[in-house]
Amino acid sequence: MAEFTVAVADPDDGVTRQIEVSEQDANRFIGKSLEAEVDGGAVGLSGYTLELTGGSDDAGRPMRADVSGSGLHSVLLTGGTGYNPSRDGERRRVTVRGAEVSDATRQINAKITGRGEESVEELLE
């Protein structure tokens, strides 16, 4: 049984809303990759389109768009998502999760790319 917290960012007003998703609606996200578009009806935003931008698993390991699959991978990073070097040229091997959403994912970050007729506040209240 998949359960997620979906952080939906609204670029127009700059507000991010945390929405709990479980059961049937969570299955709409399983198998989708980062940068894929999903129907907003899964989080209560019917008529809206969401783009998946990131996420993390229960241990806090980030998802990376450049790592394929949904499993854990140990990659050598020089910066970006999952590692912030303290000096030039520094590299570190970091365990990250692949770009595909799976049952192990606990948080998904998304932004609104297509709008419906009703406002976000009206749909979520």
N, C-alpha and C. Protein backbone atom coordinates (compact mmCIF):
# COMPACT_ATOMS: atom_id res chain seq x y z
N MET A 1 0.85 -1.17 0.00
CA MET A 1 0.00 0.00 0.00
C MET A 1 0.90 1.24 0.00
N ALA A 2 0.73 2.06 -0.99
CA ALA A 2 1.56 3.25 -1.13
C ALA A 2 0.90 4.45 -0.47
N GLU A 3 1.71 5.21 0.25
CA GLU A 3 1.26 6.46 0.86
C GLU A 3 2.34 7.51 0.63
N PHE A 4 1.93 8.67 0.16
CA PHE A 4 2.87 9.74 -0.15
C PHE A 4 2.40 11.04 0.49
N THR A 5 3.36 11.94 0.63
CA THR A 5 3.06 13.33 0.86
C THR A 5 3.46 14.04 -0.42
N VAL A 6 2.52 14.72 -1.04
CA VAL A 6 2.81 15.43 -2.29
C VAL A 6 2.88 16.92 -1.96
N ALA A 7 4.04 17.51 -2.22
CA ALA A 7 4.23 18.95 -2.03
C ALA A 7 3.95 19.63 -3.37
N VAL A 8 2.81 20.29 -3.46
CA VAL A 8 2.38 20.92 -4.71
C VAL A 8 2.72 22.41 -4.65
N ALA A 9 3.60 22.84 -5.54
CA ALA A 9 4.02 24.24 -5.61
C ALA A 9 3.20 24.96 -6.66
N ASP A 10 2.73 26.15 -6.31
CA ASP A 10 1.98 26.99 -7.23
C ASP A 10 2.89 28.14 -7.64
N PRO A 11 3.42 28.13 -8.87
CA PRO A 11 4.35 29.18 -9.29
C PRO A 11 3.73 30.58 -9.33
N ASP A 12 2.41 30.68 -9.48
CA ASP A 12 1.77 31.99 -9.58
C ASP A 12 1.76 32.74 -8.26
N ASP A 13 1.42 32.05 -7.16
CA ASP A 13 1.37 32.75 -5.88
C ASP A 13 2.53 32.39 -4.95
N GLY A 14 3.39 31.43 -5.34
CA GLY A 14 4.57 31.10 -4.56
C GLY A 14 4.29 30.26 -3.33
N VAL A 15 3.11 29.66 -3.23
CA VAL A 15 2.74 28.86 -2.07
C VAL A 15 2.89 27.38 -2.40
N THR A 16 3.43 26.61 -1.43
CA THR A 16 3.52 25.16 -1.56
C THR A 16 2.59 24.52 -0.54
N ARG A 17 1.76 23.60 -1.01
CA ARG A 17 0.80 22.94 -0.14
C ARG A 17 1.16 21.46 0.00
N GLN A 18 1.14 20.95 1.24
CA GLN A 18 1.41 19.54 1.53
C GLN A 18 0.09 18.78 1.51
N ILE A 19 -0.01 17.75 0.67
CA ILE A 19 -1.23 16.98 0.53
C ILE A 19 -0.90 15.50 0.74
N GLU A 20 -1.61 14.84 1.66
CA GLU A 20 -1.43 13.41 1.91
C GLU A 20 -2.22 12.63 0.88
N VAL A 21 -1.57 11.62 0.27
CA VAL A 21 -2.21 10.80 -0.75
C VAL A 21 -1.99 9.33 -0.39
N SER A 22 -3.03 8.52 -0.48
CA SER A 22 -2.88 7.10 -0.20
C SER A 22 -3.81 6.29 -1.10
N GLU A 23 -3.64 4.95 -1.02
CA GLU A 23 -4.49 4.00 -1.71
C GLU A 23 -4.53 4.21 -3.22
N GLN A 24 -5.73 4.34 -3.75
CA GLN A 24 -5.96 4.42 -5.19
C GLN A 24 -5.25 5.62 -5.84
N ASP A 25 -5.33 6.78 -5.19
CA ASP A 25 -4.72 7.98 -5.77
C ASP A 25 -3.20 7.88 -5.81
N ALA A 26 -2.60 7.21 -4.83
CA ALA A 26 -1.14 7.05 -4.81
C ALA A 26 -0.67 6.18 -5.97
N ASN A 27 -1.49 5.24 -6.39
CA ASN A 27 -1.10 4.36 -7.49
C ASN A 27 -0.98 5.11 -8.82
N ARG A 28 -1.58 6.28 -8.93
CA ARG A 28 -1.44 7.08 -10.15
C ARG A 28 -0.01 7.59 -10.32
N PHE A 29 0.74 7.68 -9.23
CA PHE A 29 2.12 8.18 -9.28
C PHE A 29 3.14 7.06 -9.51
N ILE A 30 2.81 5.83 -9.11
CA ILE A 30 3.75 4.71 -9.21
C ILE A 30 4.13 4.49 -10.67
N GLY A 31 5.44 4.39 -10.92
CA GLY A 31 5.95 4.14 -12.26
C GLY A 31 6.22 5.40 -13.07
N LYS A 32 5.80 6.55 -12.58
CA LYS A 32 6.07 7.81 -13.29
C LYS A 32 7.49 8.28 -12.98
N SER A 33 8.11 8.94 -13.94
CA SER A 33 9.46 9.47 -13.76
C SER A 33 9.41 10.95 -13.43
N LEU A 34 10.52 11.46 -12.92
CA LEU A 34 10.62 12.90 -12.71
C LEU A 34 10.47 13.60 -14.04
N GLU A 35 9.91 14.77 -14.03
CA GLU A 35 9.62 15.59 -15.20
C GLU A 35 8.43 15.09 -16.01
N ALA A 36 7.73 14.04 -15.52
CA ALA A 36 6.51 13.55 -16.17
C ALA A 36 5.33 14.38 -15.69
N GLU A 37 4.30 14.46 -16.51
CA GLU A 37 3.10 15.20 -16.13
C GLU A 37 2.03 14.23 -15.65
N VAL A 38 1.34 14.63 -14.58
CA VAL A 38 0.33 13.80 -13.93
C VAL A 38 -0.95 14.62 -13.80
N ASP A 39 -2.09 13.95 -13.88
CA ASP A 39 -3.38 14.61 -13.67
C ASP A 39 -3.49 15.04 -12.22
N GLY A 40 -3.90 16.26 -11.98
CA GLY A 40 -4.01 16.80 -10.63
C GLY A 40 -5.15 16.22 -9.82
N GLY A 41 -6.03 15.45 -10.44
CA GLY A 41 -7.13 14.83 -9.73
C GLY A 41 -6.67 13.89 -8.63
N ALA A 42 -5.46 13.38 -8.71
CA ALA A 42 -4.93 12.48 -7.70
C ALA A 42 -4.74 13.17 -6.36
N VAL A 43 -4.57 14.48 -6.37
CA VAL A 43 -4.37 15.24 -5.13
C VAL A 43 -5.52 16.20 -4.84
N GLY A 44 -6.62 16.03 -5.56
CA GLY A 44 -7.78 16.87 -5.33
C GLY A 44 -7.83 18.12 -6.19
N LEU A 45 -6.98 18.22 -7.18
CA LEU A 45 -6.95 19.39 -8.07
C LEU A 45 -7.45 18.97 -9.46
N SER A 46 -8.73 18.66 -9.57
CA SER A 46 -9.28 18.21 -10.85
C SER A 46 -9.21 19.35 -11.87
N GLY A 47 -8.79 18.99 -13.07
CA GLY A 47 -8.63 19.97 -14.13
C GLY A 47 -7.24 20.55 -14.20
N TYR A 48 -6.40 20.27 -13.22
CA TYR A 48 -5.03 20.79 -13.18
C TYR A 48 -4.06 19.72 -13.67
N THR A 49 -2.89 20.16 -14.13
CA THR A 49 -1.82 19.27 -14.53
C THR A 49 -0.61 19.57 -13.66
N LEU A 50 0.03 18.50 -13.15
CA LEU A 50 1.20 18.64 -12.29
C LEU A 50 2.42 18.04 -12.96
N GLU A 51 3.58 18.66 -12.78
CA GLU A 51 4.84 18.12 -13.25
C GLU A 51 5.64 17.66 -12.04
N LEU A 52 6.12 16.41 -12.07
CA LEU A 52 6.91 15.88 -10.97
C LEU A 52 8.32 16.47 -11.04
N THR A 53 8.78 17.08 -9.95
CA THR A 53 10.08 17.76 -9.97
C THR A 53 11.10 17.13 -9.04
N GLY A 54 10.68 16.28 -8.12
CA GLY A 54 11.63 15.67 -7.20
C GLY A 54 10.92 14.83 -6.17
N GLY A 55 11.69 14.39 -5.18
CA GLY A 55 11.12 13.59 -4.11
C GLY A 55 12.19 12.96 -3.26
N SER A 56 11.77 12.19 -2.28
CA SER A 56 12.71 11.48 -1.41
C SER A 56 12.04 10.25 -0.83
N ASP A 57 12.86 9.34 -0.27
CA ASP A 57 12.31 8.13 0.34
C ASP A 57 12.23 8.30 1.85
N ASP A 58 11.91 7.23 2.56
CA ASP A 58 11.72 7.31 4.00
C ASP A 58 12.99 7.63 4.77
N ALA A 59 14.17 7.39 4.19
CA ALA A 59 15.43 7.71 4.84
C ALA A 59 15.95 9.09 4.45
N GLY A 60 15.21 9.80 3.59
CA GLY A 60 15.60 11.14 3.18
C GLY A 60 16.52 11.18 1.97
N ARG A 61 16.76 10.04 1.33
CA ARG A 61 17.61 10.02 0.14
C ARG A 61 16.84 10.66 -1.02
N PRO A 62 17.46 11.61 -1.71
CA PRO A 62 16.74 12.33 -2.78
C PRO A 62 16.64 11.51 -4.06
N MET A 63 15.63 11.83 -4.85
CA MET A 63 15.50 11.26 -6.19
C MET A 63 16.29 12.16 -7.14
N ARG A 64 16.96 11.54 -8.10
CA ARG A 64 17.71 12.30 -9.10
C ARG A 64 17.22 11.95 -10.48
N ALA A 65 17.00 12.97 -11.30
CA ALA A 65 16.48 12.77 -12.65
C ALA A 65 17.48 12.07 -13.56
N ASP A 66 18.77 12.16 -13.26
CA ASP A 66 19.78 11.56 -14.13
C ASP A 66 20.13 10.12 -13.74
N VAL A 67 19.43 9.53 -12.76
CA VAL A 67 19.64 8.15 -12.36
C VAL A 67 18.40 7.35 -12.76
N SER A 68 18.58 6.32 -13.56
CA SER A 68 17.41 5.57 -14.06
C SER A 68 16.92 4.57 -13.03
N GLY A 69 15.67 4.16 -13.18
CA GLY A 69 15.07 3.16 -12.30
C GLY A 69 14.49 3.76 -11.05
N SER A 70 14.09 2.87 -10.11
CA SER A 70 13.49 3.33 -8.88
C SER A 70 14.29 2.91 -7.65
N GLY A 71 15.33 2.13 -7.85
CA GLY A 71 16.11 1.62 -6.73
C GLY A 71 17.19 2.58 -6.25
N LEU A 72 17.96 2.09 -5.27
CA LEU A 72 19.06 2.88 -4.72
C LEU A 72 20.30 2.69 -5.58
N HIS A 73 21.02 3.79 -5.79
CA HIS A 73 22.24 3.77 -6.57
C HIS A 73 23.29 4.59 -5.84
N SER A 74 24.52 4.12 -5.86
CA SER A 74 25.63 4.87 -5.27
C SER A 74 26.36 5.57 -6.41
N VAL A 75 26.30 6.89 -6.43
CA VAL A 75 26.88 7.66 -7.54
C VAL A 75 27.91 8.65 -7.00
N LEU A 76 28.88 8.97 -7.82
CA LEU A 76 29.91 9.93 -7.48
C LEU A 76 29.44 11.31 -7.92
N LEU A 77 29.25 12.22 -6.96
CA LEU A 77 28.69 13.53 -7.25
C LEU A 77 29.70 14.64 -7.02
N THR A 78 29.60 15.68 -7.85
CA THR A 78 30.41 16.88 -7.67
C THR A 78 29.53 18.05 -7.26
N GLY A 79 28.24 17.82 -7.11
CA GLY A 79 27.29 18.85 -6.72
C GLY A 79 25.91 18.51 -7.21
N GLY A 80 24.97 19.39 -6.95
CA GLY A 80 23.60 19.17 -7.39
C GLY A 80 22.75 18.55 -6.30
N THR A 81 21.66 17.92 -6.69
CA THR A 81 20.73 17.32 -5.75
C THR A 81 21.41 16.19 -4.99
N GLY A 82 21.43 16.28 -3.68
CA GLY A 82 21.99 15.23 -2.84
C GLY A 82 23.37 15.50 -2.29
N TYR A 83 24.08 16.52 -2.79
CA TYR A 83 25.42 16.81 -2.30
C TYR A 83 25.80 18.25 -2.59
N ASN A 84 26.30 18.94 -1.57
CA ASN A 84 26.75 20.32 -1.70
C ASN A 84 28.23 20.37 -1.29
N PRO A 85 29.17 20.41 -2.26
CA PRO A 85 30.60 20.40 -1.91
C PRO A 85 31.01 21.67 -1.17
N SER A 86 31.99 21.52 -0.27
CA SER A 86 32.45 22.66 0.52
C SER A 86 33.62 23.38 -0.14
N ARG A 87 34.27 22.75 -1.15
CA ARG A 87 35.37 23.43 -1.85
C ARG A 87 35.40 22.96 -3.30
N ASP A 88 36.08 23.69 -4.15
CA ASP A 88 36.16 23.37 -5.57
C ASP A 88 36.84 22.02 -5.79
N GLY A 89 36.28 21.23 -6.71
CA GLY A 89 36.86 19.95 -7.07
C GLY A 89 36.52 18.82 -6.13
N GLU A 90 35.81 19.08 -5.08
CA GLU A 90 35.46 18.04 -4.12
C GLU A 90 34.38 17.13 -4.71
N ARG A 91 34.55 15.81 -4.53
CA ARG A 91 33.57 14.83 -4.99
C ARG A 91 33.27 13.88 -3.84
N ARG A 92 32.10 13.27 -3.89
CA ARG A 92 31.74 12.32 -2.85
C ARG A 92 30.77 11.29 -3.41
N ARG A 93 30.92 10.05 -2.97
CA ARG A 93 30.00 9.00 -3.37
C ARG A 93 28.79 9.06 -2.44
N VAL A 94 27.61 9.18 -3.03
CA VAL A 94 26.37 9.37 -2.28
C VAL A 94 25.33 8.37 -2.77
N THR A 95 24.54 7.83 -1.85
CA THR A 95 23.45 6.93 -2.21
C THR A 95 22.21 7.77 -2.48
N VAL A 96 21.65 7.62 -3.69
CA VAL A 96 20.46 8.35 -4.09
C VAL A 96 19.45 7.36 -4.65
N ARG A 97 18.23 7.81 -4.82
CA ARG A 97 17.17 7.00 -5.40
C ARG A 97 16.99 7.40 -6.85
N GLY A 98 16.59 6.45 -7.69
CA GLY A 98 16.38 6.72 -9.11
C GLY A 98 15.20 7.64 -9.36
N ALA A 99 15.00 7.99 -10.61
CA ALA A 99 14.01 8.99 -11.00
C ALA A 99 12.59 8.47 -11.06
N GLU A 100 12.40 7.17 -10.92
CA GLU A 100 11.06 6.59 -11.03
C GLU A 100 10.41 6.47 -9.65
N VAL A 101 9.15 6.87 -9.53
CA VAL A 101 8.41 6.80 -8.27
C VAL A 101 8.05 5.35 -7.99
N SER A 102 8.30 4.89 -6.75
CA SER A 102 7.98 3.52 -6.35
C SER A 102 7.31 3.53 -4.98
N ASP A 103 7.06 2.34 -4.43
CA ASP A 103 6.47 2.22 -3.10
C ASP A 103 7.38 2.78 -2.01
N ALA A 104 8.69 2.81 -2.25
CA ALA A 104 9.64 3.30 -1.25
C ALA A 104 9.65 4.82 -1.15
N THR A 105 9.08 5.50 -2.13
CA THR A 105 9.04 6.96 -2.12
C THR A 105 8.05 7.44 -1.06
N ARG A 106 8.44 8.45 -0.28
CA ARG A 106 7.56 8.96 0.77
C ARG A 106 7.12 10.40 0.51
N GLN A 107 7.91 11.17 -0.22
CA GLN A 107 7.52 12.53 -0.56
C GLN A 107 7.76 12.76 -2.03
N ILE A 108 6.81 13.41 -2.67
CA ILE A 108 6.93 13.77 -4.08
C ILE A 108 6.75 15.27 -4.19
N ASN A 109 7.63 15.92 -4.91
CA ASN A 109 7.52 17.35 -5.16
C ASN A 109 6.95 17.54 -6.56
N ALA A 110 5.99 18.43 -6.69
CA ALA A 110 5.36 18.70 -7.98
C ALA A 110 5.03 20.18 -8.09
N LYS A 111 4.94 20.65 -9.33
CA LYS A 111 4.51 22.03 -9.55
C LYS A 111 3.37 22.04 -10.55
N ILE A 112 2.54 23.05 -10.43
CA ILE A 112 1.37 23.18 -11.30
C ILE A 112 1.83 23.73 -12.65
N THR A 113 1.49 23.00 -13.72
CA THR A 113 1.85 23.46 -15.07
C THR A 113 0.62 23.81 -15.90
N GLY A 114 -0.52 23.19 -15.59
CA GLY A 114 -1.75 23.48 -16.30
C GLY A 114 -2.87 23.78 -15.31
N ARG A 115 -3.63 24.82 -15.57
CA ARG A 115 -4.66 25.25 -14.62
C ARG A 115 -6.05 24.85 -15.06
N GLY A 116 -6.91 24.63 -14.06
CA GLY A 116 -8.32 24.33 -14.29
C GLY A 116 -9.14 25.58 -14.15
N GLU A 117 -10.46 25.41 -14.14
CA GLU A 117 -11.37 26.55 -14.05
C GLU A 117 -11.45 27.12 -12.64
N GLU A 118 -11.45 26.25 -11.61
CA GLU A 118 -11.56 26.71 -10.22
C GLU A 118 -10.18 27.01 -9.65
N SER A 119 -10.15 27.84 -8.61
CA SER A 119 -8.87 28.17 -7.99
C SER A 119 -8.41 27.02 -7.08
N VAL A 120 -7.14 27.02 -6.75
CA VAL A 120 -6.57 25.97 -5.91
C VAL A 120 -7.21 26.00 -4.52
N GLU A 121 -7.43 27.17 -3.97
CA GLU A 121 -8.01 27.29 -2.64
C GLU A 121 -9.42 26.68 -2.59
N GLU A 122 -10.21 26.90 -3.62
CA GLU A 122 -11.57 26.36 -3.66
C GLU A 122 -11.55 24.83 -3.73
N LEU A 123 -10.62 24.26 -4.46
CA LEU A 123 -10.58 22.81 -4.63
C LEU A 123 -10.06 22.10 -3.38
N LEU A 124 -9.13 22.70 -2.67
CA LEU A 124 -8.52 22.04 -1.51
C LEU A 124 -9.26 22.26 -0.20
N GLU A 125 -10.21 23.16 -0.16
CA GLU A 125 -10.94 23.40 1.10
C GLU A 125 -12.27 22.67 1.12
